[in-house]
């Protein structure tokens, strides 16, 4: 059970890193995505990899 917690934390940390290093255009998109991932960890992570990552190209 402890191993799943570590894996979950690593995925969460990678999501925040990925948002921070993504190339967004001008605007507040990066800040909004960081807030979504921080305040809604599971849902925010899923949304980032399904929707947000494509919009950050």
N, C-alpha and C. Protein backbone atom coordinates (compact mmCIF):
# COMPACT_ATOMS: atom_id res chain seq x y z
N UNK A 1 0.83 -1.19 0.00
CA UNK A 1 0.00 0.00 0.00
C UNK A 1 0.87 1.25 0.00
N UNK A 2 1.99 1.21 0.70
CA UNK A 2 2.89 2.36 0.76
C UNK A 2 3.46 2.67 -0.62
N UNK A 3 3.71 1.64 -1.41
CA UNK A 3 4.26 1.81 -2.76
C UNK A 3 3.31 2.56 -3.67
N UNK A 4 2.00 2.32 -3.52
CA UNK A 4 1.02 3.04 -4.33
C UNK A 4 1.00 4.52 -4.00
N UNK A 5 1.21 4.86 -2.74
CA UNK A 5 1.27 6.26 -2.34
C UNK A 5 2.45 6.97 -2.97
N UNK A 6 3.58 6.28 -3.02
CA UNK A 6 4.77 6.86 -3.63
C UNK A 6 4.56 7.04 -5.12
N UNK A 7 3.98 6.05 -5.77
CA UNK A 7 3.72 6.15 -7.21
C UNK A 7 2.75 7.29 -7.49
N UNK A 8 1.71 7.42 -6.69
CA UNK A 8 0.75 8.51 -6.85
C UNK A 8 1.40 9.86 -6.68
N UNK A 9 2.26 9.97 -5.67
CA UNK A 9 2.97 11.24 -5.44
C UNK A 9 3.90 11.57 -6.59
N UNK A 10 4.59 10.57 -7.12
CA UNK A 10 5.50 10.81 -8.25
C UNK A 10 4.75 11.26 -9.50
N UNK A 11 3.60 10.67 -9.75
CA UNK A 11 2.78 11.10 -10.90
C UNK A 11 2.30 12.52 -10.69
N UNK A 12 1.87 12.85 -9.49
CA UNK A 12 1.41 14.19 -9.14
C UNK A 12 2.54 15.21 -9.31
N UNK A 13 3.72 14.88 -8.79
CA UNK A 13 4.87 15.78 -8.92
C UNK A 13 5.27 15.95 -10.38
N UNK A 14 5.23 14.87 -11.17
CA UNK A 14 5.55 14.98 -12.58
C UNK A 14 4.54 15.86 -13.32
N UNK A 15 3.28 15.77 -12.95
CA UNK A 15 2.26 16.60 -13.58
C UNK A 15 2.55 18.08 -13.35
N UNK A 16 2.88 18.44 -12.12
CA UNK A 16 3.20 19.84 -11.82
C UNK A 16 4.44 20.27 -12.61
N UNK A 17 5.45 19.43 -12.66
CA UNK A 17 6.65 19.73 -13.43
C UNK A 17 6.32 19.90 -14.92
N UNK A 18 5.49 19.02 -15.44
CA UNK A 18 5.12 19.07 -16.85
C UNK A 18 4.36 20.35 -17.18
N UNK A 19 3.46 20.77 -16.30
CA UNK A 19 2.74 22.03 -16.53
C UNK A 19 3.72 23.19 -16.51
N UNK A 20 4.62 23.20 -15.55
CA UNK A 20 5.56 24.32 -15.43
C UNK A 20 6.50 24.43 -16.62
N UNK A 21 6.85 23.32 -17.24
CA UNK A 21 7.81 23.35 -18.34
C UNK A 21 7.13 23.36 -19.71
N UNK A 22 5.82 23.37 -19.75
CA UNK A 22 5.11 23.39 -21.02
C UNK A 22 5.15 24.78 -21.63
N UNK A 23 5.10 24.82 -22.96
CA UNK A 23 5.17 26.10 -23.66
C UNK A 23 3.80 26.67 -23.93
N UNK A 24 3.34 27.50 -23.03
CA UNK A 24 2.07 28.19 -23.22
C UNK A 24 2.32 29.53 -23.88
N UNK A 25 1.33 30.02 -24.59
CA UNK A 25 1.40 31.36 -25.16
C UNK A 25 1.17 32.39 -24.07
N UNK A 26 0.99 33.63 -24.47
CA UNK A 26 0.73 34.67 -23.48
C UNK A 26 -0.61 34.42 -22.79
N UNK A 27 -0.69 34.86 -21.57
CA UNK A 27 -1.92 34.67 -20.81
C UNK A 27 -1.66 33.93 -19.53
N UNK A 28 -2.74 33.59 -18.87
CA UNK A 28 -2.66 32.96 -17.55
C UNK A 28 -2.93 31.47 -17.57
N UNK A 29 -2.82 30.84 -18.72
CA UNK A 29 -3.15 29.41 -18.81
C UNK A 29 -2.31 28.55 -17.88
N UNK A 30 -1.02 28.85 -17.80
CA UNK A 30 -0.13 28.05 -16.94
C UNK A 30 -0.54 28.16 -15.48
N UNK A 31 -0.86 29.36 -15.04
CA UNK A 31 -1.28 29.56 -13.65
C UNK A 31 -2.57 28.82 -13.36
N UNK A 32 -3.51 28.89 -14.30
CA UNK A 32 -4.79 28.21 -14.12
C UNK A 32 -4.58 26.70 -14.02
N UNK A 33 -3.75 26.14 -14.89
CA UNK A 33 -3.50 24.69 -14.84
C UNK A 33 -2.81 24.28 -13.55
N UNK A 34 -1.85 25.07 -13.09
CA UNK A 34 -1.19 24.75 -11.82
C UNK A 34 -2.21 24.74 -10.69
N UNK A 35 -3.08 25.73 -10.65
CA UNK A 35 -4.11 25.78 -9.60
C UNK A 35 -5.06 24.60 -9.69
N UNK A 36 -5.45 24.22 -10.90
CA UNK A 36 -6.34 23.06 -11.07
C UNK A 36 -5.67 21.80 -10.54
N UNK A 37 -4.39 21.61 -10.89
CA UNK A 37 -3.69 20.40 -10.45
C UNK A 37 -3.48 20.40 -8.94
N UNK A 38 -3.20 21.56 -8.35
CA UNK A 38 -2.96 21.62 -6.90
C UNK A 38 -4.25 21.41 -6.11
N UNK A 39 -5.34 22.06 -6.53
CA UNK A 39 -6.57 21.99 -5.74
C UNK A 39 -7.44 20.78 -6.07
N UNK A 40 -7.25 20.18 -7.22
CA UNK A 40 -7.97 18.96 -7.60
C UNK A 40 -6.96 17.92 -8.08
N UNK A 41 -6.19 17.33 -7.17
CA UNK A 41 -5.05 16.50 -7.57
C UNK A 41 -5.38 15.39 -8.57
N UNK A 42 -6.32 14.53 -8.27
CA UNK A 42 -6.61 13.42 -9.17
C UNK A 42 -7.27 13.90 -10.45
N UNK A 43 -8.31 14.68 -10.32
CA UNK A 43 -9.03 15.19 -11.48
C UNK A 43 -8.14 16.12 -12.31
N UNK A 44 -7.38 16.97 -11.65
CA UNK A 44 -6.49 17.89 -12.36
C UNK A 44 -5.43 17.16 -13.16
N UNK A 45 -4.87 16.10 -12.58
CA UNK A 45 -3.86 15.30 -13.29
C UNK A 45 -4.48 14.64 -14.52
N UNK A 46 -5.64 14.05 -14.35
CA UNK A 46 -6.30 13.41 -15.49
C UNK A 46 -6.63 14.42 -16.57
N UNK A 47 -7.18 15.57 -16.18
CA UNK A 47 -7.52 16.61 -17.16
C UNK A 47 -6.28 17.12 -17.88
N UNK A 48 -5.18 17.29 -17.16
CA UNK A 48 -3.97 17.78 -17.79
C UNK A 48 -3.51 16.84 -18.90
N UNK A 49 -3.47 15.55 -18.61
CA UNK A 49 -2.97 14.60 -19.61
C UNK A 49 -3.98 14.33 -20.72
N UNK A 50 -5.27 14.55 -20.48
CA UNK A 50 -6.27 14.33 -21.52
C UNK A 50 -6.54 15.58 -22.36
N UNK A 51 -6.49 16.78 -21.74
CA UNK A 51 -6.90 18.00 -22.43
C UNK A 51 -5.79 19.04 -22.47
N UNK A 52 -5.21 19.35 -21.32
CA UNK A 52 -4.30 20.47 -21.20
C UNK A 52 -2.99 20.32 -21.95
N UNK A 53 -2.45 19.15 -21.95
CA UNK A 53 -1.14 18.94 -22.60
C UNK A 53 -1.22 19.24 -24.09
N UNK A 54 -2.33 18.96 -24.70
CA UNK A 54 -2.51 19.26 -26.13
C UNK A 54 -2.60 20.75 -26.39
N UNK A 55 -3.20 21.48 -25.46
CA UNK A 55 -3.39 22.93 -25.67
C UNK A 55 -2.12 23.72 -25.35
N UNK A 56 -1.12 23.09 -24.79
CA UNK A 56 0.09 23.80 -24.38
C UNK A 56 1.21 23.71 -25.40
N UNK A 57 0.95 23.28 -26.56
CA UNK A 57 2.00 23.10 -27.57
C UNK A 57 2.58 24.38 -28.04
